[in-house]
PDB file of N, CA and C in Angstrom:
ATOM      1  N   UNK A   1      -5.826   4.950  24.027  1.00  0.00           N
ATOM      2  CA  UNK A   1      -6.207   5.629  22.805  1.00  0.00           C
ATOM      3  C   UNK A   1      -6.135   7.139  23.031  1.00  0.00           C
ATOM      4  N   UNK A   2      -5.574   7.845  22.090  1.00  0.00           N
ATOM      5  CA  UNK A   2      -5.463   9.292  22.203  1.00  0.00           C
ATOM      6  C   UNK A   2      -6.787   9.948  21.870  1.00  0.00           C
ATOM      7  N   UNK A   3      -7.045  11.041  22.516  1.00  0.00           N
ATOM      8  CA  UNK A   3      -8.276  11.784  22.264  1.00  0.00           C
ATOM      9  C   UNK A   3      -7.910  13.239  22.034  1.00  0.00           C
ATOM     10  N   UNK A   4      -8.764  13.947  21.324  1.00  0.00           N
ATOM     11  CA  UNK A   4      -8.501  15.353  21.064  1.00  0.00           C
ATOM     12  C   UNK A   4      -9.729  16.190  21.347  1.00  0.00           C
ATOM     13  N   UNK A   5      -9.529  17.418  21.729  1.00  0.00           N
ATOM     14  CA  UNK A   5     -10.629  18.347  21.959  1.00  0.00           C
ATOM     15  C   UNK A   5     -10.836  19.159  20.689  1.00  0.00           C
ATOM     16  N   UNK A   6     -12.033  19.107  20.162  1.00  0.00           N
ATOM     17  CA  UNK A   6     -12.350  19.830  18.935  1.00  0.00           C
ATOM     18  C   UNK A   6     -12.998  21.165  19.248  1.00  0.00           C
ATOM     19  N   UNK A   7     -13.157  21.985  18.226  1.00  0.00           N
ATOM     20  CA  UNK A   7     -13.675  23.330  18.390  1.00  0.00           C
ATOM     21  C   UNK A   7     -15.076  23.366  18.985  1.00  0.00           C
ATOM     22  N   UNK A   8     -15.860  22.287  18.819  1.00  0.00           N
ATOM     23  CA  UNK A   8     -17.199  22.293  19.387  1.00  0.00           C
ATOM     24  C   UNK A   8     -17.187  21.900  20.866  1.00  0.00           C
ATOM     25  N   UNK A   9     -15.994  21.717  21.436  1.00  0.00           N
ATOM     26  CA  UNK A   9     -15.858  21.433  22.845  1.00  0.00           C
ATOM     27  C   UNK A   9     -16.025  19.970  23.206  1.00  0.00           C
ATOM     28  N   UNK A  10     -16.284  19.131  22.233  1.00  0.00           N
ATOM     29  CA  UNK A  10     -16.496  17.711  22.508  1.00  0.00           C
ATOM     30  C   UNK A  10     -15.193  16.937  22.355  1.00  0.00           C
ATOM     31  N   UNK A  11     -15.039  15.920  23.156  1.00  0.00           N
ATOM     32  CA  UNK A  11     -13.881  15.043  23.007  1.00  0.00           C
ATOM     33  C   UNK A  11     -14.207  13.974  21.975  1.00  0.00           C
ATOM     34  N   UNK A  12     -13.309  13.718  21.092  1.00  0.00           N
ATOM     35  CA  UNK A  12     -13.476  12.709  20.055  1.00  0.00           C
ATOM     36  C   UNK A  12     -12.233  11.827  20.077  1.00  0.00           C
ATOM     37  N   UNK A  13     -12.361  10.620  19.544  1.00  0.00           N
ATOM     38  CA  UNK A  13     -11.174   9.799  19.365  1.00  0.00           C
ATOM     39  C   UNK A  13     -10.220  10.563  18.463  1.00  0.00           C
ATOM     40  N   UNK A  14      -8.936  10.399  18.691  1.00  0.00           N
ATOM     41  CA  UNK A  14      -7.937  11.171  17.964  1.00  0.00           C
ATOM     42  C   UNK A  14      -8.109  11.041  16.459  1.00  0.00           C
ATOM     43  N   UNK A  15      -8.096  12.145  15.800  1.00  0.00           N
ATOM     44  CA  UNK A  15      -8.110  12.235  14.338  1.00  0.00           C
ATOM     45  C   UNK A  15      -7.300  13.473  13.990  1.00  0.00           C
ATOM     46  N   UNK A  16      -6.799  13.557  12.763  1.00  0.00           N
ATOM     47  CA  UNK A  16      -6.070  14.776  12.379  1.00  0.00           C
ATOM     48  C   UNK A  16      -6.950  16.006  12.600  1.00  0.00           C
ATOM     49  N   UNK A  17      -6.343  17.089  12.951  1.00  0.00           N
ATOM     50  CA  UNK A  17      -7.106  18.329  13.147  1.00  0.00           C
ATOM     51  C   UNK A  17      -7.869  18.657  11.875  1.00  0.00           C
ATOM     52  N   UNK A  18      -9.058  19.094  12.029  1.00  0.00           N
ATOM     53  CA  UNK A  18      -9.899  19.429  10.888  1.00  0.00           C
ATOM     54  C   UNK A  18      -9.552  20.834  10.418  1.00  0.00           C
ATOM     55  N   UNK A  19      -9.319  20.974   9.128  1.00  0.00           N
ATOM     56  CA  UNK A  19      -9.042  22.281   8.526  1.00  0.00           C
ATOM     57  C   UNK A  19     -10.388  22.924   8.191  1.00  0.00           C
ATOM     58  N   UNK A  20     -10.956  23.640   9.177  1.00  0.00           N
ATOM     59  CA  UNK A  20     -12.298  24.192   9.012  1.00  0.00           C
ATOM     60  C   UNK A  20     -12.380  25.223   7.894  1.00  0.00           C
ATOM     61  N   UNK A  21     -11.309  25.957   7.642  1.00  0.00           N
ATOM     62  CA  UNK A  21     -11.328  26.921   6.538  1.00  0.00           C
ATOM     63  C   UNK A  21     -11.480  26.196   5.207  1.00  0.00           C
ATOM     64  N   UNK A  22     -10.752  25.097   5.064  1.00  0.00           N
ATOM     65  CA  UNK A  22     -10.845  24.317   3.820  1.00  0.00           C
ATOM     66  C   UNK A  22     -12.220  23.663   3.690  1.00  0.00           C
ATOM     67  N   UNK A  23     -12.722  23.124   4.791  1.00  0.00           N
ATOM     68  CA  UNK A  23     -14.055  22.520   4.784  1.00  0.00           C
ATOM     69  C   UNK A  23     -15.089  23.550   4.338  1.00  0.00           C
ATOM     70  N   UNK A  24     -15.014  24.747   4.890  1.00  0.00           N
ATOM     71  CA  UNK A  24     -15.971  25.796   4.548  1.00  0.00           C
ATOM     72  C   UNK A  24     -15.863  26.176   3.074  1.00  0.00           C
ATOM     73  N   UNK A  25     -14.642  26.315   2.573  1.00  0.00           N
ATOM     74  CA  UNK A  25     -14.452  26.663   1.157  1.00  0.00           C
ATOM     75  C   UNK A  25     -15.011  25.569   0.252  1.00  0.00           C
ATOM     76  N   UNK A  26     -14.774  24.311   0.597  1.00  0.00           N
ATOM     77  CA  UNK A  26     -15.297  23.205  -0.204  1.00  0.00           C
ATOM     78  C   UNK A  26     -16.817  23.165  -0.149  1.00  0.00           C
ATOM     79  N   UNK A  27     -17.391  23.443   1.014  1.00  0.00           N
ATOM     80  CA  UNK A  27     -18.845  23.447   1.154  1.00  0.00           C
ATOM     81  C   UNK A  27     -19.472  24.582   0.345  1.00  0.00           C
ATOM     82  N   UNK A  28     -18.867  25.754   0.401  1.00  0.00           N
ATOM     83  CA  UNK A  28     -19.396  26.890  -0.367  1.00  0.00           C
ATOM     84  C   UNK A  28     -19.286  26.641  -1.863  1.00  0.00           C
ATOM     85  N   UNK A  29     -18.192  26.028  -2.281  1.00  0.00           N
ATOM     86  CA  UNK A  29     -18.014  25.706  -3.694  1.00  0.00           C
ATOM     87  C   UNK A  29     -19.074  24.705  -4.159  1.00  0.00           C
ATOM     88  N   UNK A  30     -19.312  23.672  -3.358  1.00  0.00           N
ATOM     89  CA  UNK A  30     -20.335  22.669  -3.703  1.00  0.00           C
ATOM     90  C   UNK A  30     -21.712  23.309  -3.734  1.00  0.00           C
ATOM     91  N   UNK A  31     -21.971  24.209  -2.799  1.00  0.00           N
ATOM     92  CA  UNK A  31     -23.277  24.890  -2.764  1.00  0.00           C
ATOM     93  C   UNK A  31     -23.477  25.746  -4.008  1.00  0.00           C
ATOM     94  N   UNK A  32     -22.438  26.433  -4.447  1.00  0.00           N
ATOM     95  CA  UNK A  32     -22.560  27.281  -5.628  1.00  0.00           C
ATOM     96  C   UNK A  32     -22.815  26.456  -6.890  1.00  0.00           C
ATOM     97  N   UNK A  33     -22.374  25.191  -6.873  1.00  0.00           N
ATOM     98  CA  UNK A  33     -22.618  24.290  -8.010  1.00  0.00           C
ATOM     99  C   UNK A  33     -23.890  23.477  -7.807  1.00  0.00           C
ATOM    100  N   UNK A  34     -24.617  23.772  -6.717  1.00  0.00           N
ATOM    101  CA  UNK A  34     -25.865  23.087  -6.375  1.00  0.00           C
ATOM    102  C   UNK A  34     -25.676  21.582  -6.220  1.00  0.00           C
ATOM    103  N   UNK A  35     -24.518  21.181  -5.695  1.00  0.00           N
ATOM    104  CA  UNK A  35     -24.233  19.776  -5.462  1.00  0.00           C
ATOM    105  C   UNK A  35     -24.733  19.350  -4.088  1.00  0.00           C
ATOM    106  N   UNK A  36     -25.068  18.089  -3.969  1.00  0.00           N
ATOM    107  CA  UNK A  36     -25.477  17.522  -2.695  1.00  0.00           C
ATOM    108  C   UNK A  36     -24.261  17.438  -1.770  1.00  0.00           C
ATOM    109  N   UNK A  37     -24.446  17.709  -0.488  1.00  0.00           N
ATOM    110  CA  UNK A  37     -23.316  17.623   0.445  1.00  0.00           C
ATOM    111  C   UNK A  37     -22.908  16.187   0.777  1.00  0.00           C
ATOM    112  N   UNK A  38     -23.692  15.191   0.349  1.00  0.00           N
ATOM    113  CA  UNK A  38     -23.398  13.800   0.703  1.00  0.00           C
ATOM    114  C   UNK A  38     -22.005  13.361   0.277  1.00  0.00           C
ATOM    115  N   UNK A  39     -21.609  13.700  -0.940  1.00  0.00           N
ATOM    116  CA  UNK A  39     -20.286  13.310  -1.427  1.00  0.00           C
ATOM    117  C   UNK A  39     -19.191  13.974  -0.595  1.00  0.00           C
ATOM    118  N   UNK A  40     -19.396  15.240  -0.236  1.00  0.00           N
ATOM    119  CA  UNK A  40     -18.411  15.939   0.589  1.00  0.00           C
ATOM    120  C   UNK A  40     -18.324  15.321   1.985  1.00  0.00           C
ATOM    121  N   UNK A  41     -19.449  14.955   2.556  1.00  0.00           N
ATOM    122  CA  UNK A  41     -19.432  14.348   3.887  1.00  0.00           C
ATOM    123  C   UNK A  41     -18.656  13.034   3.868  1.00  0.00           C
ATOM    124  N   UNK A  42     -18.850  12.243   2.829  1.00  0.00           N
ATOM    125  CA  UNK A  42     -18.106  10.986   2.700  1.00  0.00           C
ATOM    126  C   UNK A  42     -16.607  11.269   2.548  1.00  0.00           C
ATOM    127  N   UNK A  43     -16.272  12.284   1.751  1.00  0.00           N
ATOM    128  CA  UNK A  43     -14.867  12.666   1.552  1.00  0.00           C
ATOM    129  C   UNK A  43     -14.237  13.116   2.874  1.00  0.00           C
ATOM    130  N   UNK A  44     -14.924  13.997   3.599  1.00  0.00           N
ATOM    131  CA  UNK A  44     -14.391  14.493   4.867  1.00  0.00           C
ATOM    132  C   UNK A  44     -14.253  13.374   5.887  1.00  0.00           C
ATOM    133  N   UNK A  45     -15.192  12.448   5.877  1.00  0.00           N
ATOM    134  CA  UNK A  45     -15.123  11.315   6.797  1.00  0.00           C
ATOM    135  C   UNK A  45     -13.821  10.549   6.610  1.00  0.00           C
ATOM    136  N   UNK A  46     -13.438  10.341   5.357  1.00  0.00           N
ATOM    137  CA  UNK A  46     -12.182   9.643   5.064  1.00  0.00           C
ATOM    138  C   UNK A  46     -10.972  10.547   5.287  1.00  0.00           C
ATOM    139  N   UNK A  47     -11.071  11.792   4.811  1.00  0.00           N
ATOM    140  CA  UNK A  47      -9.957  12.739   4.893  1.00  0.00           C
ATOM    141  C   UNK A  47      -9.497  12.955   6.333  1.00  0.00           C
ATOM    142  N   UNK A  48     -10.447  13.081   7.250  1.00  0.00           N
ATOM    143  CA  UNK A  48     -10.119  13.389   8.634  1.00  0.00           C
ATOM    144  C   UNK A  48     -10.278  12.187   9.561  1.00  0.00           C
ATOM    145  N   UNK A  49     -10.434  10.990   8.973  1.00  0.00           N
ATOM    146  CA  UNK A  49     -10.547   9.737   9.734  1.00  0.00           C
ATOM    147  C   UNK A  49     -11.603   9.825  10.820  1.00  0.00           C
ATOM    148  N   UNK A  50     -12.765  10.338  10.453  1.00  0.00           N
ATOM    149  CA  UNK A  50     -13.838  10.530  11.415  1.00  0.00           C
ATOM    150  C   UNK A  50     -14.852   9.398  11.424  1.00  0.00           C
ATOM    151  N   UNK A  51     -14.848   8.571  10.387  1.00  0.00           N
ATOM    152  CA  UNK A  51     -15.864   7.529  10.314  1.00  0.00           C
ATOM    153  C   UNK A  51     -17.239   8.162  10.252  1.00  0.00           C
ATOM    154  N   UNK A  52     -18.124   7.719  11.114  1.00  0.00           N
ATOM    155  CA  UNK A  52     -19.488   8.265  11.149  1.00  0.00           C
ATOM    156  C   UNK A  52     -19.614   9.463  12.077  1.00  0.00           C
ATOM    157  N   UNK A  53     -18.544   9.862  12.723  1.00  0.00           N
ATOM    158  CA  UNK A  53     -18.580  10.943  13.708  1.00  0.00           C
ATOM    159  C   UNK A  53     -18.269  12.284  13.043  1.00  0.00           C
ATOM    160  N   UNK A  54     -19.246  12.804  12.314  1.00  0.00           N
ATOM    161  CA  UNK A  54     -19.052  14.044  11.564  1.00  0.00           C
ATOM    162  C   UNK A  54     -19.595  15.277  12.287  1.00  0.00           C
ATOM    163  N   UNK A  55     -19.943  15.139  13.544  1.00  0.00           N
ATOM    164  CA  UNK A  55     -20.522  16.266  14.273  1.00  0.00           C
ATOM    165  C   UNK A  55     -19.673  17.529  14.252  1.00  0.00           C
ATOM    166  N   UNK A  56     -18.344  17.443  14.419  1.00  0.00           N
ATOM    167  CA  UNK A  56     -17.569  18.689  14.394  1.00  0.00           C
ATOM    168  C   UNK A  56     -17.733  19.460  13.082  1.00  0.00           C
ATOM    169  N   UNK A  57     -17.753  18.743  11.971  1.00  0.00           N
ATOM    170  CA  UNK A  57     -17.902  19.398  10.669  1.00  0.00           C
ATOM    171  C   UNK A  57     -19.332  19.884  10.478  1.00  0.00           C
ATOM    172  N   UNK A  58     -20.292  19.059  10.806  1.00  0.00           N
ATOM    173  CA  UNK A  58     -21.696  19.435  10.618  1.00  0.00           C
ATOM    174  C   UNK A  58     -22.050  20.648  11.471  1.00  0.00           C
ATOM    175  N   UNK A  59     -21.526  20.724  12.691  1.00  0.00           N
ATOM    176  CA  UNK A  59     -21.791  21.886  13.547  1.00  0.00           C
ATOM    177  C   UNK A  59     -21.283  23.175  12.922  1.00  0.00           C
ATOM    178  N   UNK A  60     -20.098  23.134  12.336  1.00  0.00           N
ATOM    179  CA  UNK A  60     -19.547  24.333  11.697  1.00  0.00           C
ATOM    180  C   UNK A  60     -20.390  24.722  10.486  1.00  0.00           C
ATOM    181  N   UNK A  61     -20.770  23.745   9.676  1.00  0.00           N
ATOM    182  CA  UNK A  61     -21.593  24.024   8.490  1.00  0.00           C
ATOM    183  C   UNK A  61     -22.977  24.533   8.900  1.00  0.00           C
ATOM    184  N   UNK A  62     -23.510  24.002   9.974  1.00  0.00           N
ATOM    185  CA  UNK A  62     -24.822  24.441  10.450  1.00  0.00           C
ATOM    186  C   UNK A  62     -24.758  25.908  10.903  1.00  0.00           C
ATOM    187  N   UNK A  63     -23.711  26.257  11.639  1.00  0.00           N
ATOM    188  CA  UNK A  63     -23.553  27.643  12.094  1.00  0.00           C
ATOM    189  C   UNK A  63     -23.419  28.609  10.920  1.00  0.00           C
ATOM    190  N   UNK A  64     -22.844  28.142   9.821  1.00  0.00           N
ATOM    191  CA  UNK A  64     -22.692  28.980   8.624  1.00  0.00           C
ATOM    192  C   UNK A  64     -23.954  28.978   7.781  1.00  0.00           C
ATOM    193  N   UNK A  65     -24.959  28.193   8.169  1.00  0.00           N
ATOM    194  CA  UNK A  65     -26.209  28.149   7.422  1.00  0.00           C
ATOM    195  C   UNK A  65     -26.150  27.288   6.177  1.00  0.00           C
ATOM    196  N   UNK A  66     -25.158  26.414   6.078  1.00  0.00           N
ATOM    197  CA  UNK A  66     -25.006  25.585   4.883  1.00  0.00           C
ATOM    198  C   UNK A  66     -25.756  24.268   4.987  1.00  0.00           C
ATOM    199  N   UNK A  67     -26.086  23.824   6.189  1.00  0.00           N
ATOM    200  CA  UNK A  67     -26.907  22.632   6.392  1.00  0.00           C
ATOM    201  C   UNK A  67     -27.941  22.945   7.475  1.00  0.00           C
ATOM    202  N   UNK A  68     -29.015  22.199   7.445  1.00  0.00           N
ATOM    203  CA  UNK A  68     -30.067  22.412   8.441  1.00  0.00           C
ATOM    204  C   UNK A  68     -30.153  21.266   9.400  1.00  0.00           C
TER     205      UNK A  68
END
């Protein structure tokens, strides 16, 4: 099985590279509309074939102050 190194330094099972700029823009847009991030997390899980392993995305959003 192929594995990839993500920006948070962790090895994950291979998935398409995450477009963090797009993720951030989508998160900021949802925040401005006061939407829950749950729908976005489900979308990203499918979009990037991450399943339940959303740590790379959550870490980036946490650093930006968008999730706690």
